[in-house]
Amino acid sequence: MDHADQDPDVSHLATLSSALGEDLATVVSILSADLERGLEGVDRALAAGDLAAAARAAHAARNGALMLDHRPLLELVAMLENAARSGALPDVLAARGELSERWPALREALARVAAGR
């Protein structure tokens, strides 16, 4: 996989941090935690067979991806949300599978940004 699409936009995060009056590490930590909670919510909803709840959780995760301004992640989460809303379980599972592959690398990249590396 090409990891270039995993790199967060540091200048965007710095601008967001400044606008929020928070340090970069705090903003990155909050956004990462929000995304993680949203994706965990998707997993819980899928385990329960509740696509409506999966769509709501994906929407929450999408908000975090939007705040990060991370297009590849945003597109995947939006695909997952739309598939869940339309009841297309195979598409939901495919999008969640791809997110499972991509999110760890982005989470690590965000942690490096927060640590100033």
PDB file of N, CA and C in Angstrom:
ATOM      1  N   MET A   1       0.841  -1.184   0.000  1.00  0.00           N
ATOM      2  CA  MET A   1       0.000   0.000   0.000  1.00  0.00           C
ATOM      3  C   MET A   1       0.880   1.239   0.000  1.00  0.00           C
ATOM      4  N   ASP A   2       0.488   2.237  -0.731  1.00  0.00           N
ATOM      5  CA  ASP A   2       1.185   3.505  -0.762  1.00  0.00           C
ATOM      6  C   ASP A   2       0.841   4.273   0.507  1.00  0.00           C
ATOM      7  N   HIS A   3       1.877   4.561   1.306  1.00  0.00           N
ATOM      8  CA  HIS A   3       1.623   5.233   2.572  1.00  0.00           C
ATOM      9  C   HIS A   3       1.541   6.744   2.438  1.00  0.00           C
ATOM     10  N   ALA A   4       1.775   7.268   1.248  1.00  0.00           N
ATOM     11  CA  ALA A   4       1.675   8.719   1.064  1.00  0.00           C
ATOM     12  C   ALA A   4       0.270   9.204   1.371  1.00  0.00           C
ATOM     13  N   ASP A   5      -0.738   8.374   1.068  1.00  0.00           N
ATOM     14  CA  ASP A   5      -2.106   8.804   1.347  1.00  0.00           C
ATOM     15  C   ASP A   5      -2.447   8.659   2.830  1.00  0.00           C
ATOM     16  N   GLN A   6      -1.512   8.134   3.613  1.00  0.00           N
ATOM     17  CA  GLN A   6      -1.736   7.999   5.048  1.00  0.00           C
ATOM     18  C   GLN A   6      -1.228   9.216   5.817  1.00  0.00           C
ATOM     19  N   ASP A   7      -0.411  10.035   5.176  1.00  0.00           N
ATOM     20  CA  ASP A   7       0.190  11.156   5.872  1.00  0.00           C
ATOM     21  C   ASP A   7      -0.828  12.265   6.118  1.00  0.00           C
ATOM     22  N   PRO A   8      -0.965  12.662   7.375  1.00  0.00           N
ATOM     23  CA  PRO A   8      -1.877  13.769   7.673  1.00  0.00           C
ATOM     24  C   PRO A   8      -1.278  15.096   7.193  1.00  0.00           C
ATOM     25  N   ASP A   9      -2.133  16.044   6.926  1.00  0.00           N
ATOM     26  CA  ASP A   9      -1.720  17.372   6.498  1.00  0.00           C
ATOM     27  C   ASP A   9      -1.342  18.179   7.733  1.00  0.00           C
ATOM     28  N   VAL A  10      -0.043  18.247   7.995  1.00  0.00           N
ATOM     29  CA  VAL A  10       0.436  18.897   9.212  1.00  0.00           C
ATOM     30  C   VAL A  10       0.085  20.375   9.228  1.00  0.00           C
ATOM     31  N   SER A  11       0.157  21.042   8.082  1.00  0.00           N
ATOM     32  CA  SER A  11      -0.177  22.473   8.065  1.00  0.00           C
ATOM     33  C   SER A  11      -1.649  22.692   8.401  1.00  0.00           C
ATOM     34  N   HIS A  12      -2.519  21.805   7.900  1.00  0.00           N
ATOM     35  CA  HIS A  12      -3.942  21.905   8.244  1.00  0.00           C
ATOM     36  C   HIS A  12      -4.140  21.697   9.745  1.00  0.00           C
ATOM     37  N   LEU A  13      -3.481  20.687  10.292  1.00  0.00           N
ATOM     38  CA  LEU A  13      -3.620  20.416  11.724  1.00  0.00           C
ATOM     39  C   LEU A  13      -3.083  21.571  12.565  1.00  0.00           C
ATOM     40  N   ALA A  14      -1.997  22.187  12.126  1.00  0.00           N
ATOM     41  CA  ALA A  14      -1.447  23.334  12.856  1.00  0.00           C
ATOM     42  C   ALA A  14      -2.415  24.512  12.810  1.00  0.00           C
ATOM     43  N   THR A  15      -3.038  24.737  11.649  1.00  0.00           N
ATOM     44  CA  THR A  15      -4.025  25.816  11.518  1.00  0.00           C
ATOM     45  C   THR A  15      -5.236  25.535  12.404  1.00  0.00           C
ATOM     46  N   LEU A  16      -5.698  24.302  12.397  1.00  0.00           N
ATOM     47  CA  LEU A  16      -6.826  23.908  13.234  1.00  0.00           C
ATOM     48  C   LEU A  16      -6.484  24.084  14.707  1.00  0.00           C
ATOM     49  N   SER A  17      -5.296  23.669  15.078  1.00  0.00           N
ATOM     50  CA  SER A  17      -4.834  23.801  16.460  1.00  0.00           C
ATOM     51  C   SER A  17      -4.839  25.264  16.891  1.00  0.00           C
ATOM     52  N   SER A  18      -4.325  26.114  16.033  1.00  0.00           N
ATOM     53  CA  SER A  18      -4.290  27.548  16.328  1.00  0.00           C
ATOM     54  C   SER A  18      -5.697  28.122  16.451  1.00  0.00           C
ATOM     55  N   ALA A  19      -6.577  27.738  15.532  1.00  0.00           N
ATOM     56  CA  ALA A  19      -7.957  28.244  15.548  1.00  0.00           C
ATOM     57  C   ALA A  19      -8.693  27.807  16.807  1.00  0.00           C
ATOM     58  N   LEU A  20      -8.382  26.609  17.287  1.00  0.00           N
ATOM     59  CA  LEU A  20      -9.047  26.095  18.482  1.00  0.00           C
ATOM     60  C   LEU A  20      -8.379  26.552  19.775  1.00  0.00           C
ATOM     61  N   GLY A  21      -7.206  27.152  19.646  1.00  0.00           N
ATOM     62  CA  GLY A  21      -6.480  27.601  20.827  1.00  0.00           C
ATOM     63  C   GLY A  21      -5.937  26.450  21.662  1.00  0.00           C
ATOM     64  N   GLU A  22      -5.649  25.350  21.000  1.00  0.00           N
ATOM     65  CA  GLU A  22      -5.117  24.154  21.670  1.00  0.00           C
ATOM     66  C   GLU A  22      -3.786  23.788  21.040  1.00  0.00           C
ATOM     67  N   ASP A  23      -2.954  23.101  21.806  1.00  0.00           N
ATOM     68  CA  ASP A  23      -1.694  22.662  21.220  1.00  0.00           C
ATOM     69  C   ASP A  23      -1.958  21.517  20.247  1.00  0.00           C
ATOM     70  N   LEU A  24      -1.030  21.332  19.338  1.00  0.00           N
ATOM     71  CA  LEU A  24      -1.182  20.347  18.271  1.00  0.00           C
ATOM     72  C   LEU A  24      -1.402  18.942  18.823  1.00  0.00           C
ATOM     73  N   ALA A  25      -0.654  18.569  19.837  1.00  0.00           N
ATOM     74  CA  ALA A  25      -0.778  17.222  20.410  1.00  0.00           C
ATOM     75  C   ALA A  25      -2.187  16.983  20.941  1.00  0.00           C
ATOM     76  N   THR A  26      -2.782  17.981  21.578  1.00  0.00           N
ATOM     77  CA  THR A  26      -4.133  17.843  22.120  1.00  0.00           C
ATOM     78  C   THR A  26      -5.153  17.678  21.004  1.00  0.00           C
ATOM     79  N   VAL A  27      -5.055  18.499  19.963  1.00  0.00           N
ATOM     80  CA  VAL A  27      -5.995  18.419  18.850  1.00  0.00           C
ATOM     81  C   VAL A  27      -5.898  17.059  18.168  1.00  0.00           C
ATOM     82  N   VAL A  28      -4.684  16.613  17.898  1.00  0.00           N
ATOM     83  CA  VAL A  28      -4.493  15.322  17.241  1.00  0.00           C
ATOM     84  C   VAL A  28      -5.025  14.191  18.120  1.00  0.00           C
ATOM     85  N   SER A  29      -4.774  14.276  19.407  1.00  0.00           N
ATOM     86  CA  SER A  29      -5.255  13.251  20.339  1.00  0.00           C
ATOM     87  C   SER A  29      -6.783  13.189  20.360  1.00  0.00           C
ATOM     88  N   ILE A  30      -7.422  14.331  20.410  1.00  0.00           N
ATOM     89  CA  ILE A  30      -8.888  14.390  20.438  1.00  0.00           C
ATOM     90  C   ILE A  30      -9.472  13.829  19.139  1.00  0.00           C
ATOM     91  N   LEU A  31      -8.933  14.255  18.004  1.00  0.00           N
ATOM     92  CA  LEU A  31      -9.458  13.785  16.720  1.00  0.00           C
ATOM     93  C   LEU A  31      -9.223  12.287  16.532  1.00  0.00           C
ATOM     94  N   SER A  32      -8.065  11.813  16.936  1.00  0.00           N
ATOM     95  CA  SER A  32      -7.779  10.375  16.834  1.00  0.00           C
ATOM     96  C   SER A  32      -8.724   9.569  17.713  1.00  0.00           C
ATOM     97  N   ALA A  33      -8.947  10.043  18.927  1.00  0.00           N
ATOM     98  CA  ALA A  33      -9.853   9.343  19.844  1.00  0.00           C
ATOM     99  C   ALA A  33     -11.283   9.350  19.306  1.00  0.00           C
ATOM    100  N   ASP A  34     -11.718  10.469  18.730  1.00  0.00           N
ATOM    101  CA  ASP A  34     -13.062  10.543  18.158  1.00  0.00           C
ATOM    102  C   ASP A  34     -13.223   9.544  17.009  1.00  0.00           C
ATOM    103  N   LEU A  35     -12.226   9.482  16.150  1.00  0.00           N
ATOM    104  CA  LEU A  35     -12.272   8.528  15.045  1.00  0.00           C
ATOM    105  C   LEU A  35     -12.287   7.099  15.569  1.00  0.00           C
ATOM    106  N   GLU A  36     -11.445   6.827  16.529  1.00  0.00           N
ATOM    107  CA  GLU A  36     -11.370   5.479  17.101  1.00  0.00           C
ATOM    108  C   GLU A  36     -12.717   5.077  17.706  1.00  0.00           C
ATOM    109  N   ARG A  37     -13.337   5.994  18.446  1.00  0.00           N
ATOM    110  CA  ARG A  37     -14.661   5.710  19.029  1.00  0.00           C
ATOM    111  C   ARG A  37     -15.706   5.446  17.958  1.00  0.00           C
ATOM    112  N   GLY A  38     -15.668   6.240  16.898  1.00  0.00           N
ATOM    113  CA  GLY A  38     -16.619   6.036  15.806  1.00  0.00           C
ATOM    114  C   GLY A  38     -16.440   4.676  15.151  1.00  0.00           C
ATOM    115  N   LEU A  39     -15.203   4.292  14.896  1.00  0.00           N
ATOM    116  CA  LEU A  39     -14.942   3.002  14.255  1.00  0.00           C
ATOM    117  C   LEU A  39     -15.289   1.843  15.190  1.00  0.00           C
ATOM    118  N   GLU A  40     -15.029   2.012  16.486  1.00  0.00           N
ATOM    119  CA  GLU A  40     -15.432   0.981  17.451  1.00  0.00           C
ATOM    120  C   GLU A  40     -16.951   0.862  17.499  1.00  0.00           C
ATOM    121  N   GLY A  41     -17.642   2.000  17.391  1.00  0.00           N
ATOM    122  CA  GLY A  41     -19.103   1.986  17.345  1.00  0.00           C
ATOM    123  C   GLY A  41     -19.619   1.260  16.125  1.00  0.00           C
ATOM    124  N   VAL A  42     -18.949   1.446  14.994  1.00  0.00           N
ATOM    125  CA  VAL A  42     -19.318   0.711  13.786  1.00  0.00           C
ATOM    126  C   VAL A  42     -19.181  -0.786  14.042  1.00  0.00           C
ATOM    127  N   ASP A  43     -18.076  -1.178  14.632  1.00  0.00           N
ATOM    128  CA  ASP A  43     -17.835  -2.600  14.895  1.00  0.00           C
ATOM    129  C   ASP A  43     -18.881  -3.191  15.844  1.00  0.00           C
ATOM    130  N   ARG A  44     -19.219  -2.440  16.898  1.00  0.00           N
ATOM    131  CA  ARG A  44     -20.253  -2.921  17.835  1.00  0.00           C
ATOM    132  C   ARG A  44     -21.597  -3.069  17.121  1.00  0.00           C
ATOM    133  N   ALA A  45     -21.931  -2.082  16.301  1.00  0.00           N
ATOM    134  CA  ALA A  45     -23.204  -2.122  15.587  1.00  0.00           C
ATOM    135  C   ALA A  45     -23.238  -3.281  14.596  1.00  0.00           C
ATOM    136  N   LEU A  46     -22.142  -3.503  13.899  1.00  0.00           N
ATOM    137  CA  LEU A  46     -22.099  -4.616  12.950  1.00  0.00           C
ATOM    138  C   LEU A  46     -22.204  -5.954  13.673  1.00  0.00           C
ATOM    139  N   ALA A  47     -21.561  -6.062  14.823  1.00  0.00           N
ATOM    140  CA  ALA A  47     -21.643  -7.302  15.602  1.00  0.00           C
ATOM    141  C   ALA A  47     -23.081  -7.565  16.046  1.00  0.00           C
ATOM    142  N   ALA A  48     -23.831  -6.493  16.272  1.00  0.00           N
ATOM    143  CA  ALA A  48     -25.227  -6.616  16.688  1.00  0.00           C
ATOM    144  C   ALA A  48     -26.175  -6.714  15.485  1.00  0.00           C
ATOM    145  N   GLY A  49     -25.629  -6.583  14.276  1.00  0.00           N
ATOM    146  CA  GLY A  49     -26.460  -6.638  13.080  1.00  0.00           C
ATOM    147  C   GLY A  49     -27.316  -5.404  12.877  1.00  0.00           C
ATOM    148  N   ASP A  50     -26.874  -4.261  13.418  1.00  0.00           N
ATOM    149  CA  ASP A  50     -27.654  -3.022  13.379  1.00  0.00           C
ATOM    150  C   ASP A  50     -27.013  -2.032  12.402  1.00  0.00           C
ATOM    151  N   LEU A  51     -27.461  -2.057  11.158  1.00  0.00           N
ATOM    152  CA  LEU A  51     -26.873  -1.172  10.147  1.00  0.00           C
ATOM    153  C   LEU A  51     -27.201   0.298  10.396  1.00  0.00           C
ATOM    154  N   ALA A  52     -28.359   0.576  10.992  1.00  0.00           N
ATOM    155  CA  ALA A  52     -28.693   1.975  11.300  1.00  0.00           C
ATOM    156  C   ALA A  52     -27.707   2.537  12.319  1.00  0.00           C
ATOM    157  N   ALA A  53     -27.383   1.754  13.341  1.00  0.00           N
ATOM    158  CA  ALA A  53     -26.402   2.191  14.342  1.00  0.00           C
ATOM    159  C   ALA A  53     -25.014   2.288  13.715  1.00  0.00           C
ATOM    160  N   ALA A  54     -24.699   1.381  12.794  1.00  0.00           N
ATOM    161  CA  ALA A  54     -23.413   1.449  12.096  1.00  0.00           C
ATOM    162  C   ALA A  54     -23.317   2.742  11.291  1.00  0.00           C
ATOM    163  N   ALA A  55     -24.406   3.139  10.648  1.00  0.00           N
ATOM    164  CA  ALA A  55     -24.418   4.388   9.881  1.00  0.00           C
ATOM    165  C   ALA A  55     -24.201   5.585  10.791  1.00  0.00           C
ATOM    166  N   ARG A  56     -24.845   5.584  11.955  1.00  0.00           N
ATOM    167  CA  ARG A  56     -24.659   6.705  12.901  1.00  0.00           C
ATOM    168  C   ARG A  56     -23.216   6.766  13.398  1.00  0.00           C
ATOM    169  N   ALA A  57     -22.652   5.617  13.719  1.00  0.00           N
ATOM    170  CA  ALA A  57     -21.269   5.581  14.200  1.00  0.00           C
ATOM    171  C   ALA A  57     -20.304   6.010  13.087  1.00  0.00           C
ATOM    172  N   ALA A  58     -20.574   5.580  11.863  1.00  0.00           N
ATOM    173  CA  ALA A  58     -19.736   5.986  10.735  1.00  0.00           C
ATOM    174  C   ALA A  58     -19.830   7.488  10.515  1.00  0.00           C
ATOM    175  N   HIS A  59     -21.014   8.040  10.717  1.00  0.00           N
ATOM    176  CA  HIS A  59     -21.182   9.488  10.578  1.00  0.00           C
ATOM    177  C   HIS A  59     -20.318  10.215  11.600  1.00  0.00           C
ATOM    178  N   ALA A  60     -20.292   9.721  12.822  1.00  0.00           N
ATOM    179  CA  ALA A  60     -19.446  10.321  13.860  1.00  0.00           C
ATOM    180  C   ALA A  60     -17.974  10.232  13.456  1.00  0.00           C
ATOM    181  N   ALA A  61     -17.564   9.094  12.940  1.00  0.00           N
ATOM    182  CA  ALA A  61     -16.177   8.932  12.487  1.00  0.00           C
ATOM    183  C   ALA A  61     -15.884   9.854  11.305  1.00  0.00           C
ATOM    184  N   ARG A  62     -16.871  10.032  10.444  1.00  0.00           N
ATOM    185  CA  ARG A  62     -16.699  10.906   9.280  1.00  0.00           C
ATOM    186  C   ARG A  62     -16.429  12.339   9.707  1.00  0.00           C
ATOM    187  N   ASN A  63     -17.080  12.766  10.784  1.00  0.00           N
ATOM    188  CA  ASN A  63     -16.829  14.123  11.275  1.00  0.00           C
ATOM    189  C   ASN A  63     -15.366  14.292  11.679  1.00  0.00           C
ATOM    190  N   GLY A  64     -14.802  13.272  12.319  1.00  0.00           N
ATOM    191  CA  GLY A  64     -13.389  13.330  12.685  1.00  0.00           C
ATOM    192  C   GLY A  64     -12.489  13.372  11.465  1.00  0.00           C
ATOM    193  N   ALA A  65     -12.807  12.565  10.460  1.00  0.00           N
ATOM    194  CA  ALA A  65     -12.021  12.560   9.226  1.00  0.00           C
ATOM    195  C   ALA A  65     -12.118  13.909   8.520  1.00  0.00           C
ATOM    196  N   LEU A  66     -13.295  14.516   8.592  1.00  0.00           N
ATOM    197  CA  LEU A  66     -13.487  15.832   7.991  1.00  0.00           C
ATOM    198  C   LEU A  66     -12.636  16.880   8.710  1.00  0.00           C
ATOM    199  N   MET A  67     -12.612  16.824  10.034  1.00  0.00           N
ATOM    200  CA  MET A  67     -11.785  17.765  10.805  1.00  0.00           C
ATOM    201  C   MET A  67     -10.304  17.575  10.498  1.00  0.00           C
ATOM    202  N   LEU A  68      -9.908  16.338  10.262  1.00  0.00           N
ATOM    203  CA  LEU A  68      -8.515  16.069   9.891  1.00  0.00           C
ATOM    204  C   LEU A  68      -8.215  16.519   8.475  1.00  0.00           C
ATOM    205  N   ASP A  69      -9.262  16.674   7.666  1.00  0.00           N
ATOM    206  CA  ASP A  69      -9.124  17.006   6.254  1.00  0.00           C
ATOM    207  C   ASP A  69      -8.293  15.933   5.549  1.00  0.00           C
ATOM    208  N   HIS A  70      -8.600  14.677   5.896  1.00  0.00           N
ATOM    209  CA  HIS A  70      -7.874  13.540   5.322  1.00  0.00           C
ATOM    210  C   HIS A  70      -8.789  12.855   4.317  1.00  0.00           C
ATOM    211  N   ARG A  71      -8.617  13.194   3.047  1.00  0.00           N
ATOM    212  CA  ARG A  71      -9.517  12.760   1.985  1.00  0.00           C
ATOM    213  C   ARG A  71      -9.680  11.244   1.864  1.00  0.00           C
ATOM    214  N   PRO A  72      -8.593  10.464   1.833  1.00  0.00           N
ATOM    215  CA  PRO A  72      -8.779   9.011   1.678  1.00  0.00           C
ATOM    216  C   PRO A  72      -9.622   8.413   2.808  1.00  0.00           C
ATOM    217  N   LEU A  73      -9.359   8.842   4.026  1.00  0.00           N
ATOM    218  CA  LEU A  73     -10.131   8.343   5.164  1.00  0.00           C
ATOM    219  C   LEU A  73     -11.569   8.832   5.087  1.00  0.00           C
ATOM    220  N   LEU A  74     -11.746  10.084   4.757  1.00  0.00           N
ATOM    221  CA  LEU A  74     -13.085  10.659   4.650  1.00  0.00           C
ATOM    222  C   LEU A  74     -13.919   9.916   3.611  1.00  0.00           C
ATOM    223  N   GLU A  75     -13.318   9.611   2.474  1.00  0.00           N
ATOM    224  CA  GLU A  75     -14.045   8.899   1.421  1.00  0.00           C
ATOM    225  C   GLU A  75     -14.460   7.501   1.870  1.00  0.00           C
ATOM    226  N   LEU A  76     -13.564   6.799   2.562  1.00  0.00           N
ATOM    227  CA  LEU A  76     -13.889   5.447   3.036  1.00  0.00           C
ATOM    228  C   LEU A  76     -14.999   5.461   4.077  1.00  0.00           C
ATOM    229  N   VAL A  77     -14.909   6.395   5.013  1.00  0.00           N
ATOM    230  CA  VAL A  77     -15.934   6.465   6.063  1.00  0.00           C
ATOM    231  C   VAL A  77     -17.273   6.868   5.464  1.00  0.00           C
ATOM    232  N   ALA A  78     -17.263   7.778   4.495  1.00  0.00           N
ATOM    233  CA  ALA A  78     -18.507   8.172   3.825  1.00  0.00           C
ATOM    234  C   ALA A  78     -19.099   6.988   3.060  1.00  0.00           C
ATOM    235  N   MET A  79     -18.249   6.198   2.401  1.00  0.00           N
ATOM    236  CA  MET A  79     -18.733   5.000   1.701  1.00  0.00           C
ATOM    237  C   MET A  79     -19.381   4.037   2.696  1.00  0.00           C
ATOM    238  N   LEU A  80     -18.740   3.857   3.835  1.00  0.00           N
ATOM    239  CA  LEU A  80     -19.282   2.964   4.852  1.00  0.00           C
ATOM    240  C   LEU A  80     -20.635   3.481   5.347  1.00  0.00           C
ATOM    241  N   GLU A  81     -20.698   4.768   5.648  1.00  0.00           N
ATOM    242  CA  GLU A  81     -21.948   5.357   6.134  1.00  0.00           C
ATOM    243  C   GLU A  81     -23.062   5.207   5.100  1.00  0.00           C
ATOM    244  N   ASN A  82     -22.777   5.535   3.847  1.00  0.00           N
ATOM    245  CA  ASN A  82     -23.797   5.452   2.806  1.00  0.00           C
ATOM    246  C   ASN A  82     -24.257   4.019   2.580  1.00  0.00           C
ATOM    247  N   ALA A  83     -23.317   3.084   2.602  1.00  0.00           N
ATOM    248  CA  ALA A  83     -23.680   1.676   2.420  1.00  0.00           C
ATOM    249  C   ALA A  83     -24.546   1.189   3.579  1.00  0.00           C
ATOM    250  N   ALA A  84     -24.207   1.596   4.785  1.00  0.00           N
ATOM    251  CA  ALA A  84     -25.000   1.188   5.949  1.00  0.00           C
ATOM    252  C   ALA A  84     -26.408   1.782   5.872  1.00  0.00           C
ATOM    253  N   ARG A  85     -26.499   3.048   5.471  1.00  0.00           N
ATOM    254  CA  ARG A  85     -27.828   3.685   5.351  1.00  0.00           C
ATOM    255  C   ARG A  85     -28.694   2.989   4.303  1.00  0.00           C
ATOM    256  N   SER A  86     -28.053   2.478   3.250  1.00  0.00           N
ATOM    257  CA  SER A  86     -28.829   1.825   2.196  1.00  0.00           C
ATOM    258  C   SER A  86     -29.001   0.326   2.437  1.00  0.00           C
ATOM    259  N   GLY A  87     -28.432  -0.184   3.530  1.00  0.00           N
ATOM    260  CA  GLY A  87     -28.600  -1.595   3.867  1.00  0.00           C
ATOM    261  C   GLY A  87     -27.729  -2.540   3.064  1.00  0.00           C
ATOM    262  N   ALA A  88     -26.679  -2.036   2.462  1.00  0.00           N
ATOM    263  CA  ALA A  88     -25.791  -2.845   1.620  1.00  0.00           C
ATOM    264  C   ALA A  88     -24.665  -3.437   2.463  1.00  0.00           C
ATOM    265  N   LEU A  89     -24.977  -4.499   3.177  1.00  0.00           N
ATOM    266  CA  LEU A  89     -24.009  -5.101   4.097  1.00  0.00           C
ATOM    267  C   LEU A  89     -22.688  -5.474   3.431  1.00  0.00           C
ATOM    268  N   PRO A  90     -22.672  -6.092   2.238  1.00  0.00           N
ATOM    269  CA  PRO A  90     -21.368  -6.412   1.630  1.00  0.00           C
ATOM    270  C   PRO A  90     -20.492  -5.171   1.416  1.00  0.00           C
ATOM    271  N   ASP A  91     -21.106  -4.060   1.021  1.00  0.00           N
ATOM    272  CA  ASP A  91     -20.350  -2.823   0.827  1.00  0.00           C
ATOM    273  C   ASP A  91     -19.877  -2.247   2.158  1.00  0.00           C
ATOM    274  N   VAL A  92     -20.703  -2.371   3.191  1.00  0.00           N
ATOM    275  CA  VAL A  92     -20.303  -1.932   4.536  1.00  0.00           C
ATOM    276  C   VAL A  92     -19.075  -2.715   4.971  1.00  0.00           C
ATOM    277  N   LEU A  93     -19.137  -4.025   4.820  1.00  0.00           N
ATOM    278  CA  LEU A  93     -18.028  -4.875   5.259  1.00  0.00           C
ATOM    279  C   LEU A  93     -16.763  -4.608   4.446  1.00  0.00           C
ATOM    280  N   ALA A  94     -16.914  -4.348   3.155  1.00  0.00           N
ATOM    281  CA  ALA A  94     -15.748  -4.041   2.321  1.00  0.00           C
ATOM    282  C   ALA A  94     -15.101  -2.723   2.762  1.00  0.00           C
ATOM    283  N   ALA A  95     -15.921  -1.704   2.993  1.00  0.00           N
ATOM    284  CA  ALA A  95     -15.381  -0.412   3.433  1.00  0.00           C
ATOM    285  C   ALA A  95     -14.736  -0.531   4.808  1.00  0.00           C
ATOM    286  N   ARG A  96     -15.390  -1.280   5.706  1.00  0.00           N
ATOM    287  CA  ARG A  96     -14.813  -1.447   7.049  1.00  0.00           C
ATOM    288  C   ARG A  96     -13.505  -2.219   6.970  1.00  0.00           C
ATOM    289  N   GLY A  97     -13.434  -3.200   6.084  1.00  0.00           N
ATOM    290  CA  GLY A  97     -12.194  -3.940   5.905  1.00  0.00           C
ATOM    291  C   GLY A  97     -11.057  -3.048   5.430  1.00  0.00           C
ATOM    292  N   GLU A  98     -11.362  -2.182   4.487  1.00  0.00           N
ATOM    293  CA  GLU A  98     -10.326  -1.265   4.005  1.00  0.00           C
ATOM    294  C   GLU A  98      -9.920  -0.273   5.087  1.00  0.00           C
ATOM    295  N   LEU A  99     -10.894   0.189   5.868  1.00  0.00           N
ATOM    296  CA  LEU A  99     -10.568   1.074   6.987  1.00  0.00           C
ATOM    297  C   LEU A  99      -9.676   0.363   7.999  1.00  0.00           C
ATOM    298  N   SER A 100      -9.939  -0.912   8.219  1.00  0.00           N
ATOM    299  CA  SER A 100      -9.119  -1.689   9.158  1.00  0.00           C
ATOM    300  C   SER A 100      -7.677  -1.776   8.687  1.00  0.00           C
ATOM    301  N   GLU A 101      -7.485  -1.773   7.382  1.00  0.00           N
ATOM    302  CA  GLU A 101      -6.136  -1.800   6.828  1.00  0.00           C
ATOM    303  C   GLU A 101      -5.457  -0.437   6.896  1.00  0.00           C
ATOM    304  N   ARG A 102      -6.217   0.628   6.685  1.00  0.00           N
ATOM    305  CA  ARG A 102      -5.625   1.967   6.577  1.00  0.00           C
ATOM    306  C   ARG A 102      -5.531   2.731   7.902  1.00  0.00           C
ATOM    307  N   TRP A 103      -6.488   2.553   8.788  1.00  0.00           N
ATOM    308  CA  TRP A 103      -6.534   3.354  10.008  1.00  0.00           C
ATOM    309  C   TRP A 103      -5.298   3.191  10.886  1.00  0.00           C
ATOM    310  N   PRO A 104      -4.768   1.996  11.100  1.00  0.00           N
ATOM    311  CA  PRO A 104      -3.584   1.895  11.966  1.00  0.00           C
ATOM    312  C   PRO A 104      -2.398   2.738  11.481  1.00  0.00           C
ATOM    313  N   ALA A 105      -2.143   2.759  10.185  1.00  0.00           N
ATOM    314  CA  ALA A 105      -1.030   3.557   9.664  1.00  0.00           C
ATOM    315  C   ALA A 105      -1.292   5.051   9.851  1.00  0.00           C
ATOM    316  N   LEU A 106      -2.518   5.474   9.631  1.00  0.00           N
ATOM    317  CA  LEU A 106      -2.836   6.891   9.839  1.00  0.00           C
ATOM    318  C   LEU A 106      -2.760   7.239  11.318  1.00  0.00           C
ATOM    319  N   ARG A 107      -3.253   6.358  12.175  1.00  0.00           N
ATOM    320  CA  ARG A 107      -3.181   6.598  13.622  1.00  0.00           C
ATOM    321  C   ARG A 107      -1.724   6.765  14.055  1.00  0.00           C
ATOM    322  N   GLU A 108      -0.840   5.923  13.520  1.00  0.00           N
ATOM    323  CA  GLU A 108       0.590   6.045  13.838  1.00  0.00           C
ATOM    324  C   GLU A 108       1.167   7.354  13.310  1.00  0.00           C
ATOM    325  N   ALA A 109       0.777   7.739  12.107  1.00  0.00           N
ATOM    326  CA  ALA A 109       1.249   9.001  11.534  1.00  0.00           C
ATOM    327  C   ALA A 109       0.768  10.181  12.369  1.00  0.00           C
ATOM    328  N   LEU A 110      -0.464  10.115  12.837  1.00  0.00           N
ATOM    329  CA  LEU A 110      -0.988  11.183  13.699  1.00  0.00           C
ATOM    330  C   LEU A 110      -0.225  11.239  15.020  1.00  0.00           C
ATOM    331  N   ALA A 111       0.109  10.088  15.556  1.00  0.00           N
ATOM    332  CA  ALA A 111       0.879  10.059  16.806  1.00  0.00           C
ATOM    333  C   ALA A 111       2.249  10.697  16.599  1.00  0.00           C
ATOM    334  N   ARG A 112       2.866  10.466  15.445  1.00  0.00           N
ATOM    335  CA  ARG A 112       4.158  11.098  15.152  1.00  0.00           C
ATOM    336  C   ARG A 112       4.004  12.618  15.061  1.00  0.00           C
ATOM    337  N   VAL A 113       2.920  13.071  14.430  1.00  0.00           N
ATOM    338  CA  VAL A 113       2.667  14.518  14.335  1.00  0.00           C
ATOM    339  C   VAL A 113       2.504  15.090  15.738  1.00  0.00           C
ATOM    340  N   ALA A 114       1.729  14.412  16.563  1.00  0.00           N
ATOM    341  CA  ALA A 114       1.498  14.904  17.928  1.00  0.00           C
ATOM    342  C   ALA A 114       2.787  14.961  18.728  1.00  0.00           C
ATOM    343  N   ALA A 115       3.694  14.028  18.461  1.00  0.00           N
ATOM    344  CA  ALA A 115       4.967  13.983  19.179  1.00  0.00           C
ATOM    345  C   ALA A 115       6.006  14.931  18.564  1.00  0.00           C
ATOM    346  N   GLY A 116       5.632  15.589  17.467  1.00  0.00           N
ATOM    347  CA  GLY A 116       6.552  16.526  16.831  1.00  0.00           C
ATOM    348  C   GLY A 116       7.610  15.856  15.977  1.00  0.00           C
ATOM    349  N   ARG A 117       7.330  14.637  15.529  1.00  0.00           N
ATOM    350  CA  ARG A 117       8.304  13.916  14.676  1.00  0.00           C
ATOM    351  C   ARG A 117       7.876  13.931  13.250  1.00  0.00           C
TER     352      ARG A 117
END
